[in-house]
Amino acid sequence: MFTAFKENHMTAVHRMLATGLLLTGLSFAGEALSAEAKAKIEAKLTVLKAWGSEATLVKAVKEAESNQAAKDMTQDKWKSLTVIDPIVRGFTTSPAAAWIKSKRDGSVTEVFISNAKGIKVAFLTKPTSWSHKGKPKHDVPMTGKTWIGEAEIDESTGQKQVQASFPVLEDGKPIGSIVVGFALFKL
């Protein structure tokens, strides 16, 4: 009897939470961007795509191939690391991360750079996934194109945002990707 009450109570709580999210305009699923929001993101990308040829970032992507800690990382091990773990801190305190921090504006919620294999090179805050290979946010830039996702609540930042990505280029060829999260309310 208590189990049935507990299950019904939890179902009611879940319904109330879902209703609250809908009323505040938030959802767990991706939402299509308005034309206005997409235009603002495209305008920002026009400026940010220059990051993909920045010498500091290109060098970091090229050097990532020899990072043994990165080669040994798995998604399960990544999820178990805290934001203060020395491995994670190495990515947030690198010259590439310092360069990003110095260039971002208030609309940027997150930035992470990956090498061609989708493995992290540098970031502002620890992303949820260790590798994004096999996902459009990484695979599309590896073809030399820009990608813009849907609006969603980001797991790592907790903010309603949209991610966009573009390639890191060496001699005009993609060698990695840069993913930038934009807070929709700050565009």
Protein backbone atom coordinates (compact mmCIF):
# COMPACT_ATOMS: atom_id res chain seq x y z
CA MET A 1 0.00 0.00 0.00
CA PHE A 2 2.79 2.42 0.91
CA THR A 3 4.58 1.51 -2.32
CA ALA A 4 1.50 2.39 -4.39
CA PHE A 5 1.18 5.72 -2.53
CA LYS A 6 4.87 6.42 -3.03
CA GLU A 7 4.65 5.64 -6.79
CA ASN A 8 1.51 7.78 -7.23
CA HIS A 9 3.09 10.59 -5.21
CA MET A 10 6.27 10.49 -7.33
CA THR A 11 4.22 10.48 -10.53
CA ALA A 12 2.37 13.56 -9.29
CA VAL A 13 5.66 15.25 -8.40
CA HIS A 14 7.05 14.48 -11.86
CA ARG A 15 3.89 15.92 -13.47
CA MET A 16 4.17 19.09 -11.37
CA LEU A 17 7.83 19.50 -12.32
CA ALA A 18 7.07 19.01 -16.01
CA THR A 19 4.19 21.51 -15.80
CA GLY A 20 6.45 24.00 -14.03
CA LEU A 21 9.09 23.63 -16.73
CA LEU A 22 6.52 24.15 -19.46
CA LEU A 23 5.13 27.25 -17.75
CA THR A 24 8.60 28.77 -17.46
CA GLY A 25 9.34 28.02 -21.09
CA LEU A 26 11.99 25.42 -20.29
CA SER A 27 12.11 21.88 -21.54
CA PHE A 28 14.48 18.96 -21.59
CA ALA A 29 14.10 18.41 -25.32
CA GLY A 30 15.75 20.61 -27.92
CA GLU A 31 13.67 23.48 -29.25
CA ALA A 32 13.94 25.04 -32.68
CA LEU A 33 15.57 28.47 -32.65
CA SER A 34 13.63 31.54 -33.61
CA ALA A 35 14.83 33.31 -36.76
CA GLU A 36 15.96 36.23 -34.57
CA ALA A 37 18.03 34.02 -32.23
CA LYS A 38 19.58 32.16 -35.17
CA ALA A 39 20.55 35.45 -36.84
CA LYS A 40 22.20 36.65 -33.61
CA ILE A 41 24.16 33.41 -33.26
CA GLU A 42 25.25 33.52 -36.91
CA ALA A 43 26.47 37.10 -36.37
CA LYS A 44 28.49 36.00 -33.33
CA LEU A 45 29.91 33.05 -35.28
CA THR A 46 31.11 35.39 -38.02
CA VAL A 47 33.50 36.86 -35.43
CA LEU A 48 34.24 33.70 -33.43
CA LYS A 49 35.19 31.53 -36.41
CA ALA A 50 38.51 33.40 -36.48
CA TRP A 51 39.32 31.47 -33.28
CA GLY A 52 39.64 28.36 -35.46
CA SER A 53 42.85 29.74 -37.00
CA GLU A 54 44.29 31.25 -33.81
CA ALA A 55 47.88 29.97 -33.41
CA THR A 56 47.45 29.20 -29.67
CA LEU A 57 44.43 26.99 -30.33
CA VAL A 58 45.87 25.30 -33.44
CA LYS A 59 49.03 24.47 -31.47
CA ALA A 60 46.98 23.02 -28.59
CA VAL A 61 44.99 20.79 -30.96
CA LYS A 62 48.16 19.53 -32.63
CA GLU A 63 49.88 18.86 -29.29
CA ALA A 64 46.85 16.98 -27.95
CA GLU A 65 47.87 13.96 -30.01
CA SER A 66 50.75 13.35 -27.58
CA ASN A 67 48.75 13.83 -24.34
CA GLN A 68 48.91 10.40 -22.66
CA ALA A 69 46.23 11.23 -20.05
CA ALA A 70 43.87 12.08 -22.91
CA LYS A 71 44.68 8.85 -24.75
CA ASP A 72 43.87 6.78 -21.64
CA MET A 73 40.59 8.57 -20.83
CA THR A 74 37.22 6.84 -21.20
CA GLN A 75 33.73 8.28 -20.87
CA ASP A 76 33.17 6.39 -17.60
CA LYS A 77 36.43 7.63 -16.13
CA TRP A 78 35.61 11.17 -17.32
CA LYS A 79 32.22 11.16 -15.59
CA SER A 80 33.90 10.09 -12.33
CA LEU A 81 36.32 13.05 -12.30
CA THR A 82 35.44 16.18 -10.33
CA VAL A 83 36.01 19.68 -11.63
CA ILE A 84 38.97 20.03 -9.25
CA ASP A 85 40.69 16.85 -10.39
CA PRO A 86 44.21 17.66 -11.67
CA ILE A 87 43.40 16.15 -15.07
CA VAL A 88 40.34 18.38 -15.48
CA ARG A 89 42.20 21.42 -14.12
CA GLY A 90 44.92 20.83 -16.72
CA PHE A 91 42.35 21.50 -19.46
CA THR A 92 40.95 24.64 -17.79
CA THR A 93 44.33 26.20 -16.99
CA SER A 94 46.12 25.51 -20.28
CA PRO A 95 47.31 28.34 -22.55
CA ALA A 96 44.43 27.54 -24.93
CA ALA A 97 41.87 27.82 -22.10
CA ALA A 98 43.47 31.08 -20.91
CA TRP A 99 43.24 32.47 -24.46
CA ILE A 100 39.53 31.55 -24.68
CA LYS A 101 38.81 33.12 -21.28
CA SER A 102 40.40 36.34 -22.44
CA LYS A 103 38.25 36.51 -25.60
CA ARG A 104 34.77 35.37 -24.59
CA ASP A 105 31.92 37.74 -23.89
CA GLY A 106 28.98 37.52 -21.47
CA SER A 107 26.79 35.55 -23.87
CA VAL A 108 29.22 32.60 -23.92
CA THR A 109 28.34 29.94 -21.34
CA GLU A 110 30.85 27.30 -22.38
CA VAL A 111 33.59 26.58 -24.87
CA PHE A 112 35.37 23.34 -25.52
CA ILE A 113 37.95 22.44 -28.11
CA SER A 114 38.43 18.91 -29.42
CA ASN A 115 41.01 17.33 -31.68
CA ALA A 116 40.08 15.42 -34.84
CA LYS A 117 39.27 12.33 -32.76
CA GLY A 118 36.72 14.30 -30.72
CA ILE A 119 38.91 14.23 -27.62
CA LYS A 120 39.05 17.34 -25.45
CA VAL A 121 41.97 19.74 -25.80
CA ALA A 122 40.84 22.70 -23.66
CA PHE A 123 37.64 24.07 -22.13
CA LEU A 124 36.25 26.69 -19.75
CA THR A 125 34.24 24.26 -17.63
CA LYS A 126 34.21 20.47 -17.62
CA PRO A 127 31.88 19.28 -20.38
CA THR A 128 29.54 16.36 -19.77
CA SER A 129 31.13 14.14 -22.42
CA TRP A 130 34.79 13.34 -22.92
CA SER A 131 34.44 12.83 -26.66
CA HIS A 132 31.89 14.25 -29.07
CA LYS A 133 33.02 12.23 -32.07
CA GLY A 134 29.95 10.80 -33.78
CA LYS A 135 27.85 13.83 -32.84
CA PRO A 136 27.04 16.67 -35.26
CA LYS A 137 28.62 19.29 -32.97
CA HIS A 138 32.01 17.70 -33.76
CA ASP A 139 31.48 15.84 -37.02
CA VAL A 140 30.04 18.78 -39.02
CA PRO A 141 33.02 21.09 -38.27
CA MET A 142 35.35 18.26 -39.26
CA THR A 143 33.90 18.66 -42.78
CA GLY A 144 34.83 22.36 -42.70
CA LYS A 145 31.31 23.59 -41.99
CA THR A 146 29.61 25.41 -39.13
CA TRP A 147 26.93 23.69 -37.01
CA ILE A 148 24.16 25.29 -34.91
CA GLY A 149 22.14 23.13 -32.53
CA GLU A 150 18.72 23.56 -30.95
CA ALA A 151 17.93 25.49 -27.78
CA GLU A 152 18.14 23.24 -24.72
CA ILE A 153 19.00 23.11 -21.06
CA ASP A 154 22.68 22.22 -21.00
CA GLU A 155 23.67 19.46 -18.59
CA SER A 156 27.04 20.96 -17.71
CA THR A 157 25.96 24.61 -17.29
CA GLY A 158 22.29 24.25 -16.27
CA GLN A 159 21.40 27.18 -18.55
CA LYS A 160 19.03 27.42 -21.50
CA GLN A 161 21.45 27.76 -24.34
CA VAL A 162 22.29 26.84 -27.88
CA GLN A 163 25.56 25.29 -28.94
CA ALA A 164 27.28 26.14 -32.20
CA SER A 165 30.54 24.79 -33.55
CA PHE A 166 33.12 25.45 -36.21
CA PRO A 167 36.42 23.89 -37.28
CA VAL A 168 39.94 24.45 -36.03
CA LEU A 169 41.89 24.87 -39.27
CA GLU A 170 45.50 24.30 -40.22
CA ASP A 171 46.38 25.27 -43.78
CA GLY A 172 42.63 25.45 -44.50
CA LYS A 173 41.99 21.85 -43.37
CA PRO A 174 39.96 20.87 -40.28
CA ILE A 175 42.09 19.39 -37.48
CA GLY A 176 39.59 19.82 -34.65
CA SER A 177 36.40 21.52 -33.53
CA ILE A 178 35.40 24.37 -31.23
CA VAL A 179 31.97 24.20 -29.59
CA VAL A 180 30.57 27.39 -28.07
CA GLY A 181 27.47 27.55 -25.87
CA PHE A 182 25.47 30.78 -25.98
CA ALA A 183 23.01 31.83 -23.24
CA LEU A 184 19.83 32.64 -25.14
CA PHE A 185 18.79 35.37 -22.72
CA LYS A 186 22.13 37.18 -23.22
CA LEU A 187 22.16 37.31 -27.02
